[in-house]
Amino acid sequence: MPLTPRATTTPSSDPTPNPNSRTPKARWIVPAAAATALAVVGGVLLWSPADEADAAATPRAAFSAVAVGDIAEQCTKSDSDCAHPKTAALVKQLNPQFVMTMGDNQYDDARLKDFQKYYATTWGAFKDKTKPVPGNHETYDPAGPLKGYKSYFGSVAYPDGKSYYSYDQGNWHFIALDSNSFDSSSQINWLKKDLAANSKKCVAAYWHHPLFSSGEHGNQPIGKKVWKLLDDAKAELVLGGHDHHYERFAPQKADGSANSNGIVEILAGTGGANPYKIEEVQPNSQKRITNTYGVVKLDFTDTGFSWKLIGTDGSTKDTSPSYSCR
């Protein structure tokens, strides 16, 4: 049975669709009719299972990861309103291959003693498979910017003595960046070299301050140059935090123009910090959810990706389209 190309869309959380949004990249989907097939044998109508070749056409997840930012407020499980123990319990249940944290891991000043008292008691359970990046709160440490962050995470966060690094998983190349120093020529030069040396088909990057956001902080233009470099290298995905809500965007360019060959952005500042309001809906924003704590569970294949936002109550709050690597 032939496969049919089709673009899959998910409606915006607003009742009126955003006229500036664009449908995502086309993908191959097994038609629903292939789930069961009809056959006539000796004049009798019989049901038969779907052809194995059709079933195999749907790519399976090669590995999964969890991503979220804005996590550990200064509270513990004894406080019923404390959210980071609940998001940590969710991660434990999901049991991903690794965890990406998009900054503001510990509030308010990210001191080492606060990491040890709060973050370590919940999200610390996944420290050995966490790939963090710092947020602005990690720069507020009275002992020095990123001091507590570096002391707590150690070489995981500073594998080469820098607050940015990259690693590979399957057919994917992941780039963890420090958006507190995007104006640093050393980080930009490192990124150029890293992208040039990459041999993987698919590329994802993550940092704290999102280039695009409909939340209280809004768009953070400091990421525009980095976005352009990633786009030129045909990266697929960027993840961020900073604004305390969930949002996903259709593929777009650094100037905000919708383009099916652009980069998909996920904003997930839902790890435990007090939620923010949606202030000004940005072009290409496809879904916005606030007043919800949870994590993004990403499923990666050798040729694409998709994800779900899962709340601390265990329910799926949003399901993305499936995207193909460029």
Protein backbone atom coordinates (compact mmCIF):
# COMPACT_ATOMS: atom_id res chain seq x y z
CA MET A 1 0.00 0.00 0.00
CA PRO A 2 1.51 3.37 -0.95
CA LEU A 3 2.33 5.96 1.65
CA THR A 4 0.73 9.38 1.52
CA PRO A 5 2.62 12.59 2.40
CA ARG A 6 0.64 14.81 4.71
CA ALA A 7 1.38 17.71 7.04
CA THR A 8 -0.04 17.25 10.50
CA THR A 9 -1.20 20.27 12.50
CA THR A 10 -2.44 20.84 16.02
CA PRO A 11 -4.79 23.76 16.63
CA SER A 12 -3.70 26.73 18.72
CA SER A 13 -4.94 27.10 22.26
CA ASP A 14 -6.68 30.29 21.07
CA PRO A 15 -10.16 29.90 19.53
CA THR A 16 -9.06 31.90 16.48
CA PRO A 17 -6.15 30.38 14.53
CA ASN A 18 -3.09 32.58 14.20
CA PRO A 19 -3.09 33.80 10.58
CA ASN A 20 0.70 34.07 10.64
CA SER A 21 1.30 30.47 11.65
CA ARG A 22 2.37 27.89 9.12
CA THR A 23 1.83 24.18 8.88
CA PRO A 24 4.86 22.08 9.82
CA LYS A 25 7.03 20.06 7.51
CA ALA A 26 5.41 17.27 5.55
CA ARG A 27 5.98 13.76 6.75
CA TRP A 28 5.14 10.28 5.63
CA ILE A 29 2.15 8.74 7.40
CA VAL A 30 0.62 5.30 7.05
CA PRO A 31 -3.02 5.90 6.00
CA ALA A 32 -5.57 5.03 8.69
CA ALA A 33 -7.15 2.52 6.33
CA ALA A 34 -4.01 0.42 6.57
CA ALA A 35 -4.73 -0.36 10.20
CA THR A 36 -7.11 -3.08 9.03
CA ALA A 37 -7.75 -4.50 5.60
CA LEU A 38 -10.77 -6.17 4.04
CA ALA A 39 -10.51 -9.32 1.97
CA VAL A 40 -13.15 -11.42 0.25
CA VAL A 41 -12.47 -15.17 0.38
CA GLY A 42 -15.03 -17.54 -1.12
CA GLY A 43 -17.66 -14.83 -1.04
CA VAL A 44 -17.13 -14.22 2.70
CA LEU A 45 -15.94 -10.82 3.93
CA LEU A 46 -12.98 -11.23 6.30
CA TRP A 47 -10.88 -8.84 8.40
CA SER A 48 -7.12 -9.17 8.13
CA PRO A 49 -4.33 -7.34 10.05
CA ALA A 50 -2.48 -4.47 8.46
CA ASP A 51 0.35 -5.36 6.14
CA GLU A 52 3.63 -5.60 8.06
CA ALA A 53 5.39 -3.35 5.59
CA ASP A 54 2.86 -0.58 6.27
CA ALA A 55 3.30 -0.94 10.02
CA ALA A 56 7.07 -0.83 9.68
CA ALA A 57 6.82 2.44 7.72
CA THR A 58 6.09 4.34 10.92
CA PRO A 59 9.48 5.08 12.56
CA ARG A 60 9.88 3.96 16.15
CA ALA A 61 11.51 6.12 18.80
CA ALA A 62 15.24 5.43 18.90
CA PHE A 63 15.53 7.10 22.31
CA SER A 64 13.68 9.52 24.55
CA ALA A 65 14.70 12.52 26.62
CA VAL A 66 13.04 14.89 29.03
CA ALA A 67 13.48 18.67 28.79
CA VAL A 68 12.37 21.51 31.06
CA GLY A 69 13.66 24.67 32.70
CA ASP A 70 12.93 26.87 35.73
CA ILE A 71 12.86 24.12 38.32
CA ALA A 72 13.69 24.23 42.03
CA GLU A 73 12.04 26.92 44.11
CA GLN A 74 13.20 27.11 47.73
CA CYS A 75 10.64 24.66 49.00
CA THR A 76 10.42 20.95 49.84
CA LYS A 77 7.95 18.08 49.52
CA SER A 78 6.51 18.94 52.93
CA ASP A 79 4.98 22.03 51.28
CA SER A 80 1.94 20.89 49.28
CA ASP A 81 2.39 23.82 46.88
CA CYS A 82 6.00 22.89 46.07
CA ALA A 83 6.09 21.77 42.44
CA HIS A 84 9.65 20.53 41.77
CA PRO A 85 9.19 17.33 43.81
CA LYS A 86 6.19 16.57 41.61
CA THR A 87 8.01 17.20 38.32
CA ALA A 88 10.91 15.07 39.60
CA ALA A 89 8.50 12.23 40.37
CA LEU A 90 7.22 12.51 36.81
CA VAL A 91 10.73 12.23 35.37
CA LYS A 92 11.34 9.15 37.50
CA GLN A 93 8.20 7.58 36.06
CA LEU A 94 9.13 8.45 32.47
CA ASN A 95 12.71 7.15 32.90
CA PRO A 96 14.26 8.90 29.85
CA GLN A 97 17.72 8.17 28.48
CA PHE A 98 18.83 11.62 29.58
CA VAL A 99 17.51 14.93 30.94
CA MET A 100 18.04 18.41 29.49
CA THR A 101 17.50 21.32 31.89
CA MET A 102 17.14 24.75 30.29
CA GLY A 103 18.45 26.98 33.05
CA ASP A 104 17.25 28.50 36.35
CA ASN A 105 17.75 25.06 37.82
CA GLN A 106 17.84 26.51 41.37
CA TYR A 107 16.22 29.67 42.80
CA ASP A 108 16.75 32.39 43.84
CA ASP A 109 20.51 32.89 43.68
CA ALA A 110 21.56 29.34 42.80
CA ARG A 111 23.99 29.07 45.68
CA LEU A 112 25.60 25.68 46.26
CA LYS A 113 23.87 25.30 49.64
CA ASP A 114 20.51 25.89 47.93
CA PHE A 115 21.28 23.32 45.23
CA GLN A 116 22.09 20.86 48.02
CA LYS A 117 19.00 21.69 50.11
CA TYR A 118 16.39 21.81 47.33
CA TYR A 119 17.37 20.69 43.82
CA ALA A 120 19.47 17.76 45.05
CA THR A 121 16.60 16.31 47.08
CA THR A 122 14.38 15.95 44.02
CA TRP A 123 15.99 16.42 40.62
CA GLY A 124 19.32 15.33 42.05
CA ALA A 125 18.11 11.77 41.54
CA PHE A 126 18.85 12.20 37.83
CA LYS A 127 22.12 14.08 38.20
CA ASP A 128 24.13 11.31 36.54
CA LYS A 129 22.10 11.64 33.33
CA THR A 130 21.33 15.36 33.39
CA LYS A 131 22.78 17.66 30.74
CA PRO A 132 22.18 21.17 32.18
CA VAL A 133 22.63 24.71 30.99
CA PRO A 134 22.64 27.79 33.26
CA GLY A 135 19.97 30.47 33.42
CA ASN A 136 20.09 34.03 34.64
CA HIS A 137 19.48 32.96 38.25
CA GLU A 138 22.70 30.95 38.18
CA THR A 139 24.53 34.25 37.61
CA TYR A 140 23.15 35.80 40.84
CA ASP A 141 25.23 33.64 43.19
CA PRO A 142 26.98 35.97 45.71
CA ALA A 143 30.04 33.69 45.50
CA GLY A 144 30.34 34.54 41.81
CA PRO A 145 28.38 33.98 38.59
CA LEU A 146 27.67 30.25 38.03
CA LYS A 147 29.76 29.34 41.09
CA GLY A 148 27.13 27.21 42.81
CA TYR A 149 25.95 25.79 39.48
CA LYS A 150 29.45 24.69 38.54
CA SER A 151 30.19 23.34 42.01
CA TYR A 152 27.01 21.27 42.07
CA PHE A 153 27.04 19.83 38.55
CA GLY A 154 30.83 19.70 38.19
CA SER A 155 32.31 18.38 34.97
CA VAL A 156 28.85 17.47 33.64
CA ALA A 157 28.14 21.17 33.14
CA TYR A 158 31.78 22.10 32.41
CA PRO A 159 33.16 19.10 30.50
CA ASP A 160 35.82 21.20 28.76
CA GLY A 161 36.13 23.94 31.35
CA LYS A 162 33.39 25.94 29.59
CA SER A 163 29.72 26.52 30.41
CA TYR A 164 28.73 25.23 26.95
CA TYR A 165 29.34 21.86 25.35
CA SER A 166 27.93 19.28 22.94
CA TYR A 167 27.32 15.54 22.82
CA ASP A 168 25.87 12.88 20.53
CA GLN A 169 23.07 10.38 20.99
CA GLY A 170 22.02 8.09 18.16
CA ASN A 171 21.83 10.05 14.92
CA TRP A 172 21.50 13.34 16.85
CA HIS A 173 23.96 16.04 17.85
CA PHE A 174 22.94 18.06 20.94
CA ILE A 175 24.40 21.48 21.74
CA ALA A 176 24.06 22.91 25.27
CA LEU A 177 24.67 26.67 25.31
CA ASP A 178 25.02 29.44 27.88
CA SER A 179 22.75 32.29 26.80
CA ASN A 180 24.15 34.49 29.57
CA SER A 181 27.23 34.93 27.36
CA PHE A 182 25.90 34.91 23.81
CA ASP A 183 27.78 38.17 23.33
CA SER A 184 31.02 36.28 23.91
CA SER A 185 33.04 35.76 20.76
CA SER A 186 34.63 32.66 22.30
CA GLN A 187 31.30 30.86 22.60
CA ILE A 188 30.23 31.91 19.08
CA ASN A 189 33.54 30.74 17.60
CA TRP A 190 33.26 27.47 19.49
CA LEU A 191 29.74 26.95 18.12
CA LYS A 192 30.89 27.55 14.55
CA LYS A 193 33.64 24.95 14.93
CA ASP A 194 31.32 22.51 16.65
CA LEU A 195 28.73 22.72 13.88
CA ALA A 196 31.39 22.37 11.21
CA ALA A 197 32.73 19.20 12.85
CA ASN A 198 29.31 17.58 13.35
CA SER A 199 28.69 14.39 11.37
CA LYS A 200 25.19 13.59 12.64
CA LYS A 201 22.11 14.08 10.45
CA CYS A 202 19.95 15.78 13.09
CA VAL A 203 20.83 18.71 15.36
CA ALA A 204 19.14 20.12 18.49
CA ALA A 205 20.29 22.99 20.71
CA TYR A 206 19.08 24.36 24.01
CA TRP A 207 19.67 27.39 26.20
CA HIS A 208 17.79 29.50 28.73
CA HIS A 209 16.64 32.77 27.09
CA PRO A 210 14.25 31.96 24.19
CA LEU A 211 14.46 33.94 20.98
CA PHE A 212 10.66 33.72 20.69
CA SER A 213 8.18 33.85 23.57
CA SER A 214 4.62 35.02 24.15
CA GLY A 215 5.22 35.26 27.91
CA GLU A 216 6.10 37.99 30.37
CA HIS A 217 9.76 38.22 29.34
CA GLY A 218 8.91 38.13 25.63
CA ASN A 219 11.37 37.63 22.79
CA GLN A 220 15.07 37.61 23.72
CA PRO A 221 16.95 38.96 20.65
CA ILE A 222 20.34 37.98 22.08
CA GLY A 223 19.75 34.53 20.62
CA LYS A 224 19.28 35.70 17.03
CA LYS A 225 22.90 35.25 15.92
CA VAL A 226 23.04 31.75 17.41
CA TRP A 227 19.73 30.85 15.73
CA LYS A 228 21.12 31.93 12.35
CA LEU A 229 24.22 29.78 12.79
CA LEU A 230 22.08 26.78 13.70
CA ASP A 231 19.70 27.40 10.82
CA ASP A 232 22.58 27.61 8.35
CA ALA A 233 23.73 24.24 9.68
CA LYS A 234 20.21 22.84 9.12
CA ALA A 235 19.44 22.31 12.80
CA GLU A 236 15.96 21.04 13.57
CA LEU A 237 15.12 22.04 17.12
CA VAL A 238 15.80 24.68 19.80
CA LEU A 239 14.58 24.43 23.41
CA GLY A 240 14.42 27.19 26.00
CA GLY A 241 12.98 28.31 29.33
CA HIS A 242 13.03 31.67 31.18
CA ASP A 243 9.32 32.38 30.72
CA HIS A 244 7.38 30.10 33.05
CA HIS A 245 4.96 28.57 30.60
CA TYR A 246 4.87 26.03 27.76
CA GLU A 247 4.82 27.09 24.12
CA ARG A 248 5.61 25.55 20.77
CA PHE A 249 6.26 27.29 17.49
CA ALA A 250 5.99 26.33 13.84
CA PRO A 251 9.32 26.22 11.95
CA GLN A 252 10.68 29.74 11.47
CA LYS A 253 13.74 31.80 10.68
CA ALA A 254 15.66 34.05 13.07
CA ASP A 255 13.68 37.10 11.92
CA GLY A 256 10.41 35.40 12.89
CA SER A 257 9.29 34.61 9.37
CA ALA A 258 7.46 31.31 9.00
CA ASN A 259 9.37 28.82 6.89
CA SER A 260 8.91 25.06 6.63
CA ASN A 261 12.70 24.75 6.43
CA GLY A 262 13.26 26.76 9.59
CA ILE A 263 13.84 25.67 13.19
CA VAL A 264 11.17 24.47 15.62
CA GLU A 265 11.25 26.06 19.07
CA ILE A 266 9.88 24.58 22.30
CA LEU A 267 9.65 26.80 25.37
CA ALA A 268 9.21 24.83 28.59
CA GLY A 269 9.64 26.85 31.77
CA THR A 270 7.30 24.50 33.62
CA GLY A 271 9.69 22.63 35.91
CA GLY A 272 8.51 24.07 39.22
CA ALA A 273 8.80 27.88 39.29
CA ASN A 274 5.74 30.09 39.70
CA PRO A 275 3.83 30.26 36.35
CA TYR A 276 3.83 33.41 34.22
CA LYS A 277 1.04 34.90 32.13
CA ILE A 278 0.81 34.96 28.35
CA GLU A 279 1.33 38.60 27.40
CA GLU A 280 1.63 39.00 23.63
CA VAL A 281 1.08 36.08 21.30
CA GLN A 282 3.93 35.86 18.80
CA PRO A 283 3.58 34.98 15.11
CA ASN A 284 4.04 31.25 14.45
CA SER A 285 3.07 30.33 18.02
CA GLN A 286 1.00 27.18 17.71
CA LYS A 287 0.20 26.32 21.33
CA ARG A 288 0.51 28.07 24.68
CA ILE A 289 -0.20 26.59 28.11
CA THR A 290 0.34 28.24 31.48
CA ASN A 291 -0.59 27.49 35.08
CA THR A 292 0.66 23.96 34.46
CA TYR A 293 3.68 22.13 35.87
CA GLY A 294 5.18 19.33 33.84
CA VAL A 295 7.96 18.24 31.52
CA VAL A 296 8.44 17.78 27.80
CA LYS A 297 9.06 14.17 26.77
CA LEU A 298 10.82 14.06 23.42
CA ASP A 299 10.98 10.99 21.20
CA PHE A 300 13.87 10.96 18.73
CA THR A 301 14.31 8.69 15.74
CA ASP A 302 17.21 8.54 13.29
CA THR A 303 15.26 10.81 10.94
CA GLY A 304 12.98 12.99 13.07
CA PHE A 305 11.32 13.86 16.36
CA SER A 306 8.09 14.57 18.19
CA TRP A 307 7.13 15.37 21.77
CA LYS A 308 4.44 15.62 24.42
CA LEU A 309 3.96 17.98 27.34
CA ILE A 310 3.07 15.78 30.30
CA GLY A 311 1.63 17.35 33.44
CA THR A 312 2.41 16.34 36.99
CA ASP A 313 -1.01 14.67 37.12
CA GLY A 314 0.27 12.26 34.45
CA SER A 315 -1.98 13.54 31.68
CA THR A 316 -0.80 14.69 28.27
CA LYS A 317 -1.38 18.43 27.93
CA ASP A 318 -0.12 18.80 24.36
CA THR A 319 1.06 16.55 21.53
CA SER A 320 3.27 17.92 18.78
CA PRO A 321 3.31 17.17 15.08
CA SER A 322 6.04 14.77 13.92
CA TYR A 323 8.96 16.49 12.23
CA SER A 324 11.60 15.18 9.86
CA CYS A 325 15.26 16.17 10.04
CA ARG A 326 16.38 18.46 7.25
